[in-house]
All heavy atoms as atom14 arrays in JSON, in Angstrom:
{
  "sequence": "LLAVMDSVGLTTYQFEPATEPSAKRAGPQMR",
  "atom14_mask": [
    [1, 1, 1, 1, 1, 1, 1, 1, 0, 0, 0, 0, 0, 0],
    [1, 1, 1, 1, 1, 1, 1, 1, 0, 0, 0, 0, 0, 0],
    [1, 1, 1, 1, 1, 0, 0, 0, 0, 0, 0, 0, 0, 0],
    [1, 1, 1, 1, 1, 1, 1, 0, 0, 0, 0, 0, 0, 0],
    [1, 1, 1, 1, 1, 1, 1, 1, 0, 0, 0, 0, 0, 0],
    [1, 1, 1, 1, 1, 1, 1, 1, 0, 0, 0, 0, 0, 0],
    [1, 1, 1, 1, 1, 1, 0, 0, 0, 0, 0, 0, 0, 0],
    [1, 1, 1, 1, 1, 1, 1, 0, 0, 0, 0, 0, 0, 0],
    [1, 1, 1, 1, 0, 0, 0, 0, 0, 0, 0, 0, 0, 0],
    [1, 1, 1, 1, 1, 1, 1, 1, 0, 0, 0, 0, 0, 0],
    [1, 1, 1, 1, 1, 1, 1, 0, 0, 0, 0, 0, 0, 0],
    [1, 1, 1, 1, 1, 1, 1, 0, 0, 0, 0, 0, 0, 0],
    [1, 1, 1, 1, 1, 1, 1, 1, 1, 1, 1, 1, 0, 0],
    [1, 1, 1, 1, 1, 1, 1, 1, 1, 0, 0, 0, 0, 0],
    [1, 1, 1, 1, 1, 1, 1, 1, 1, 1, 1, 0, 0, 0],
    [1, 1, 1, 1, 1, 1, 1, 1, 1, 0, 0, 0, 0, 0],
    [1, 1, 1, 1, 1, 1, 1, 0, 0, 0, 0, 0, 0, 0],
    [1, 1, 1, 1, 1, 0, 0, 0, 0, 0, 0, 0, 0, 0],
    [1, 1, 1, 1, 1, 1, 1, 0, 0, 0, 0, 0, 0, 0],
    [1, 1, 1, 1, 1, 1, 1, 1, 1, 0, 0, 0, 0, 0],
    [1, 1, 1, 1, 1, 1, 1, 0, 0, 0, 0, 0, 0, 0],
    [1, 1, 1, 1, 1, 1, 0, 0, 0, 0, 0, 0, 0, 0],
    [1, 1, 1, 1, 1, 0, 0, 0, 0, 0, 0, 0, 0, 0],
    [1, 1, 1, 1, 1, 1, 1, 1, 1, 0, 0, 0, 0, 0],
    [1, 1, 1, 1, 1, 1, 1, 1, 1, 1, 1, 0, 0, 0],
    [1, 1, 1, 1, 1, 0, 0, 0, 0, 0, 0, 0, 0, 0],
    [1, 1, 1, 1, 0, 0, 0, 0, 0, 0, 0, 0, 0, 0],
    [1, 1, 1, 1, 1, 1, 1, 0, 0, 0, 0, 0, 0, 0],
    [1, 1, 1, 1, 1, 1, 1, 1, 1, 0, 0, 0, 0, 0],
    [1, 1, 1, 1, 1, 1, 1, 1, 0, 0, 0, 0, 0, 0],
    [1, 1, 1, 1, 1, 1, 1, 1, 1, 1, 1, 0, 0, 0]
  ],
  "atom14_positions": [
    [[-8.14, -16.15, -17.45], [-7.19, -15.85, -18.5], [-7.74, -14.7, -19.33], [-8.95, -14.46, -19.36], [-6.9, -17.07, -19.37], [-5.86, -18.03, -18.78], [-6.49, -18.94, -17.75], [-5.23, -18.87, -19.89], [0.0, 0.0, 0.0], [0.0, 0.0, 0.0], [0.0, 0.0, 0.0], [0.0, 0.0, 0.0], [0.0, 0.0, 0.0], [0.0, 0.0, 0.0]],
    [[-6.85, -14.02, -19.99], [-7.22, -12.84, -20.77], [-7.03, -13.12, -22.25], [-5.97, -13.59, -22.67], [-6.35, -11.66, -20.35], [-6.47, -10.38, -21.18], [-7.88, -9.81, -21.09], [-5.44, -9.35, -20.72], [0.0, 0.0, 0.0], [0.0, 0.0, 0.0], [0.0, 0.0, 0.0], [0.0, 0.0, 0.0], [0.0, 0.0, 0.0], [0.0, 0.0, 0.0]],
    [[-8.06, -12.84, -23.03], [-7.98, -12.96, -24.49], [-8.0, -11.56, -25.09], [-8.86, -10.75, -24.75], [-9.15, -13.77, -25.02], [0.0, 0.0, 0.0], [0.0, 0.0, 0.0], [0.0, 0.0, 0.0], [0.0, 0.0, 0.0], [0.0, 0.0, 0.0], [0.0, 0.0, 0.0], [0.0, 0.0, 0.0], [0.0, 0.0, 0.0], [0.0, 0.0, 0.0]],
    [[-7.05, -11.3, -25.96], [-6.93, -9.99, -26.62], [-6.98, -10.21, -28.13], [-6.16, -10.94, -28.69], [-5.62, -9.29, -26.24], [-5.52, -7.93, -26.94], [-5.53, -9.11, -24.72], [0.0, 0.0, 0.0], [0.0, 0.0, 0.0], [0.0, 0.0, 0.0], [0.0, 0.0, 0.0], [0.0, 0.0, 0.0], [0.0, 0.0, 0.0], [0.0, 0.0, 0.0]],
    [[-7.93, -9.56, -28.78], [-8.07, -9.67, -30.22], [-7.39, -8.49, -30.9], [-7.4, -7.36, -30.38], [-9.55, -9.7, -30.61], [-9.78, -10.02, -32.08], [-9.42, -11.75, -32.48], [-10.79, -12.54, -31.64], [0.0, 0.0, 0.0], [0.0, 0.0, 0.0], [0.0, 0.0, 0.0], [0.0, 0.0, 0.0], [0.0, 0.0, 0.0], [0.0, 0.0, 0.0]],
    [[-6.79, -8.75, -32.05], [-6.31, -7.68, -32.91], [-6.75, -8.0, -34.33], [-7.59, -8.87, -34.55], [-4.79, -7.48, -32.78], [-4.0, -8.74, -33.11], [-4.44, -9.51, -34.0], [-2.95, -8.97, -32.5], [0.0, 0.0, 0.0], [0.0, 0.0, 0.0], [0.0, 0.0, 0.0], [0.0, 0.0, 0.0], [0.0, 0.0, 0.0], [0.0, 0.0, 0.0]],
    [[-6.19, -7.31, -35.3], [-6.68, -7.47, -36.67], [-6.25, -8.76, -37.32], [-6.76, -9.12, -38.38], [-6.21, -6.29, -37.53], [-4.79, -6.27, -37.63], [0.0, 0.0, 0.0], [0.0, 0.0, 0.0], [0.0, 0.0, 0.0], [0.0, 0.0, 0.0], [0.0, 0.0, 0.0], [0.0, 0.0, 0.0], [0.0, 0.0, 0.0], [0.0, 0.0, 0.0]],
    [[-5.32, -9.48, -36.71], [-4.82, -10.69, -37.36], [-4.86, -11.93, -36.48], [-4.35, -12.97, -36.87], [-3.37, -10.48, -37.86], [-3.34, -9.49, -38.99], [-2.46, -10.05, -36.73], [0.0, 0.0, 0.0], [0.0, 0.0, 0.0], [0.0, 0.0, 0.0], [0.0, 0.0, 0.0], [0.0, 0.0, 0.0], [0.0, 0.0, 0.0], [0.0, 0.0, 0.0]],
    [[-5.47, -11.88, -35.32], [-5.53, -13.08, -34.52], [-5.87, -12.81, -33.07], [-6.41, -11.76, -32.72], [0.0, 0.0, 0.0], [0.0, 0.0, 0.0], [0.0, 0.0, 0.0], [0.0, 0.0, 0.0], [0.0, 0.0, 0.0], [0.0, 0.0, 0.0], [0.0, 0.0, 0.0], [0.0, 0.0, 0.0], [0.0, 0.0, 0.0], [0.0, 0.0, 0.0]],
    [[-5.55, -13.76, -32.23], [-5.93, -13.75, -30.83], [-4.73, -14.12, -29.97], [-4.0, -15.07, -30.28], [-7.06, -14.76, -30.6], [-7.65, -14.88, -29.2], [-8.5, -13.66, -28.89], [-8.51, -16.13, -29.11], [0.0, 0.0, 0.0], [0.0, 0.0, 0.0], [0.0, 0.0, 0.0], [0.0, 0.0, 0.0], [0.0, 0.0, 0.0], [0.0, 0.0, 0.0]],
    [[-4.51, -13.37, -28.9], [-3.46, -13.69, -27.94], [-4.1, -13.92, -26.58], [-4.96, -13.13, -26.15], [-2.43, -12.56, -27.83], [-1.91, -12.26, -29.13], [-1.29, -12.93, -26.92], [0.0, 0.0, 0.0], [0.0, 0.0, 0.0], [0.0, 0.0, 0.0], [0.0, 0.0, 0.0], [0.0, 0.0, 0.0], [0.0, 0.0, 0.0], [0.0, 0.0, 0.0]],
    [[-3.71, -14.99, -25.9], [-4.23, -15.25, -24.56], [-3.09, -15.2, -23.56], [-1.96, -15.61, -23.84], [-4.9, -16.63, -24.49], [-3.97, -17.64, -24.86], [-6.11, -16.68, -25.4], [0.0, 0.0, 0.0], [0.0, 0.0, 0.0], [0.0, 0.0, 0.0], [0.0, 0.0, 0.0], [0.0, 0.0, 0.0], [0.0, 0.0, 0.0], [0.0, 0.0, 0.0]],
    [[-3.42, -14.69, -22.37], [-2.43, -14.52, -21.31], [-2.91, -15.2, -20.04], [-4.07, -15.06, -19.64], [-2.22, -13.04, -21.0], [-1.64, -12.24, -22.13], [-2.47, -11.66, -23.08], [-0.26, -12.03, -22.25], [-1.95, -10.9, -24.12], [0.27, -11.27, -23.28], [-0.58, -10.72, -24.21], [-0.06, -9.97, -25.24], [0.0, 0.0, 0.0], [0.0, 0.0, 0.0]],
    [[-2.0, -15.93, -19.4], [-2.23, -16.45, -18.06], [-1.27, -15.73, -17.12], [-0.06, -15.71, -17.35], [-1.98, -17.95, -18.0], [-2.14, -18.53, -16.6], [-1.85, -20.02, -16.55], [-2.01, -20.72, -17.55], [-1.44, -20.5, -15.39], [0.0, 0.0, 0.0], [0.0, 0.0, 0.0], [0.0, 0.0, 0.0], [0.0, 0.0, 0.0], [0.0, 0.0, 0.0]],
    [[-1.81, -15.12, -16.07], [-0.99, -14.37, -15.12], [-0.63, -15.23, -13.92], [-1.36, -16.17, -13.56], [-1.72, -13.11, -14.67], [-1.83, -12.06, -15.73], [-2.85, -12.11, -16.67], [-0.91, -11.02, -15.8], [-2.95, -11.15, -17.66], [-1.0, -10.06, -16.79], [-2.03, -10.12, -17.73], [0.0, 0.0, 0.0], [0.0, 0.0, 0.0], [0.0, 0.0, 0.0]],
    [[0.47, -14.88, -13.3], [0.88, -15.62, -12.11], [-0.17, -15.45, -11.03], [-0.69, -14.36, -10.81], [2.24, -15.13, -11.62], [2.3, -13.65, -11.25], [3.69, -13.26, -10.77], [4.47, -14.14, -10.46], [3.96, -12.05, -10.71], [0.0, 0.0, 0.0], [0.0, 0.0, 0.0], [0.0, 0.0, 0.0], [0.0, 0.0, 0.0], [0.0, 0.0, 0.0]],
    [[-0.53, -16.52, -10.34], [-1.58, -16.43, -9.32], [-1.08, -15.76, -8.06], [0.11, -15.78, -7.74], [-1.94, -17.9, -9.06], [-0.68, -18.65, -9.37], [-0.04, -17.9, -10.52], [0.0, 0.0, 0.0], [0.0, 0.0, 0.0], [0.0, 0.0, 0.0], [0.0, 0.0, 0.0], [0.0, 0.0, 0.0], [0.0, 0.0, 0.0], [0.0, 0.0, 0.0]],
    [[-2.02, -15.16, -7.34], [-1.69, -14.58, -6.05], [-1.44, -15.69, -5.05], [-2.15, -16.7, -5.03], [-2.84, -13.69, -5.57], [0.0, 0.0, 0.0], [0.0, 0.0, 0.0], [0.0, 0.0, 0.0], [0.0, 0.0, 0.0], [0.0, 0.0, 0.0], [0.0, 0.0, 0.0], [0.0, 0.0, 0.0], [0.0, 0.0, 0.0], [0.0, 0.0, 0.0]],
    [[-0.44, -15.52, -4.22], [-0.14, -16.53, -3.2], [-0.96, -16.31, -1.94], [-1.04, -17.19, -1.11], [1.35, -16.5, -2.84], [1.71, -15.17, -2.42], [2.18, -16.87, -4.06], [0.0, 0.0, 0.0], [0.0, 0.0, 0.0], [0.0, 0.0, 0.0], [0.0, 0.0, 0.0], [0.0, 0.0, 0.0], [0.0, 0.0, 0.0], [0.0, 0.0, 0.0]],
    [[-1.55, -15.14, -1.83], [-2.42, -14.84, -0.7], [-3.38, -13.76, -1.14], [-3.13, -13.03, -2.1], [-1.62, -14.37, 0.52], [-0.75, -13.16, 0.24], [0.13, -12.8, 1.42], [0.18, -13.59, 2.39], [0.75, -11.75, 1.38], [0.0, 0.0, 0.0], [0.0, 0.0, 0.0], [0.0, 0.0, 0.0], [0.0, 0.0, 0.0], [0.0, 0.0, 0.0]],
    [[-4.54, -13.63, -0.46], [-5.51, -12.61, -0.86], [-4.91, -11.21, -0.79], [-4.02, -10.94, 0.01], [-6.64, -12.79, 0.17], [-6.48, -14.18, 0.68], [-5.01, -14.46, 0.66], [0.0, 0.0, 0.0], [0.0, 0.0, 0.0], [0.0, 0.0, 0.0], [0.0, 0.0, 0.0], [0.0, 0.0, 0.0], [0.0, 0.0, 0.0], [0.0, 0.0, 0.0]],
    [[-5.43, -10.33, -1.62], [-4.94, -8.95, -1.63], [-5.07, -8.29, -0.27], [-4.26, -7.46, 0.12], [-5.71, -8.12, -2.67], [-5.33, -8.49, -3.96], [0.0, 0.0, 0.0], [0.0, 0.0, 0.0], [0.0, 0.0, 0.0], [0.0, 0.0, 0.0], [0.0, 0.0, 0.0], [0.0, 0.0, 0.0], [0.0, 0.0, 0.0], [0.0, 0.0, 0.0]],
    [[-6.11, -8.68, 0.48], [-6.33, -8.06, 1.78], [-5.18, -8.32, 2.74], [-4.97, -7.56, 3.69], [-7.63, -8.6, 2.39], [0.0, 0.0, 0.0], [0.0, 0.0, 0.0], [0.0, 0.0, 0.0], [0.0, 0.0, 0.0], [0.0, 0.0, 0.0], [0.0, 0.0, 0.0], [0.0, 0.0, 0.0], [0.0, 0.0, 0.0], [0.0, 0.0, 0.0]],
    [[-4.39, -9.38, 2.5], [-3.29, -9.7, 3.41], [-1.95, -9.16, 2.91], [-0.93, -9.34, 3.57], [-3.22, -11.22, 3.59], [-4.45, -11.81, 4.29], [-4.29, -13.3, 4.48], [-5.5, -13.89, 5.2], [-5.36, -15.35, 5.39], [0.0, 0.0, 0.0], [0.0, 0.0, 0.0], [0.0, 0.0, 0.0], [0.0, 0.0, 0.0], [0.0, 0.0, 0.0]],
    [[-1.96, -8.57, 1.72], [-0.72, -8.05, 1.18], [-0.53, -6.61, 1.61], [-1.48, -5.88, 1.9], [-0.71, -8.16, -0.35], [-0.82, -9.59, -0.85], [-0.31, -9.71, -2.27], [-1.05, -8.9, -3.2], [-2.04, -9.36, -3.97], [-2.4, -10.61, -3.87], [-2.63, -8.57, -4.83], [0.0, 0.0, 0.0], [0.0, 0.0, 0.0], [0.0, 0.0, 0.0]],
    [[0.71, -6.18, 1.62], [1.01, -4.81, 2.02], [0.43, -3.8, 1.03], [0.07, -2.7, 1.4], [2.52, -4.61, 2.12], [0.0, 0.0, 0.0], [0.0, 0.0, 0.0], [0.0, 0.0, 0.0], [0.0, 0.0, 0.0], [0.0, 0.0, 0.0], [0.0, 0.0, 0.0], [0.0, 0.0, 0.0], [0.0, 0.0, 0.0], [0.0, 0.0, 0.0]],
    [[0.31, -4.18, -0.22], [-0.23, -3.29, -1.23], [-0.43, -4.04, -2.52], [-0.1, -5.23, -2.63], [0.0, 0.0, 0.0], [0.0, 0.0, 0.0], [0.0, 0.0, 0.0], [0.0, 0.0, 0.0], [0.0, 0.0, 0.0], [0.0, 0.0, 0.0], [0.0, 0.0, 0.0], [0.0, 0.0, 0.0], [0.0, 0.0, 0.0], [0.0, 0.0, 0.0]],
    [[-0.99, -3.39, -3.51], [-1.21, -4.06, -4.79], [0.09, -4.47, -5.44], [1.12, -3.81, -5.28], [-1.94, -2.98, -5.61], [-1.53, -1.69, -4.99], [-1.38, -1.97, -3.54], [0.0, 0.0, 0.0], [0.0, 0.0, 0.0], [0.0, 0.0, 0.0], [0.0, 0.0, 0.0], [0.0, 0.0, 0.0], [0.0, 0.0, 0.0], [0.0, 0.0, 0.0]],
    [[0.04, -5.58, -6.13], [1.23, -6.08, -6.79], [0.97, -6.26, -8.28], [-0.11, -6.68, -8.68], [1.65, -7.43, -6.19], [2.0, -7.36, -4.72], [2.35, -8.72, -4.16], [2.46, -9.69, -4.89], [2.51, -8.8, -2.84], [0.0, 0.0, 0.0], [0.0, 0.0, 0.0], [0.0, 0.0, 0.0], [0.0, 0.0, 0.0], [0.0, 0.0, 0.0]],
    [[1.95, -5.9, -9.08], [1.84, -6.1, -10.5], [2.11, -7.57, -10.81], [3.1, -8.13, -10.35], [2.83, -5.2, -11.24], [2.74, -5.3, -12.76], [3.67, -4.0, -13.6], [5.33, -4.38, -13.04], [0.0, 0.0, 0.0], [0.0, 0.0, 0.0], [0.0, 0.0, 0.0], [0.0, 0.0, 0.0], [0.0, 0.0, 0.0], [0.0, 0.0, 0.0]],
    [[1.22, -8.19, -11.57], [1.34, -9.6, -11.91], [1.83, -9.72, -13.35], [1.28, -9.1, -14.24], [-0.01, -10.28, -11.76], [-0.52, -10.3, -10.33], [0.3, -11.26, -9.49], [-0.13, -11.21, -8.09], [0.48, -11.85, -7.12], [1.55, -12.58, -7.38], [0.06, -11.76, -5.89], [0.0, 0.0, 0.0], [0.0, 0.0, 0.0], [0.0, 0.0, 0.0]]
  ]
}
């Protein structure tokens, strides 16, 4: 997960998981 700090607090992000390794995908995918 990603934590991002700013001047007034903290935001955390959970990204959708890959369904298969990148090596098996046709190309990079934006999550």
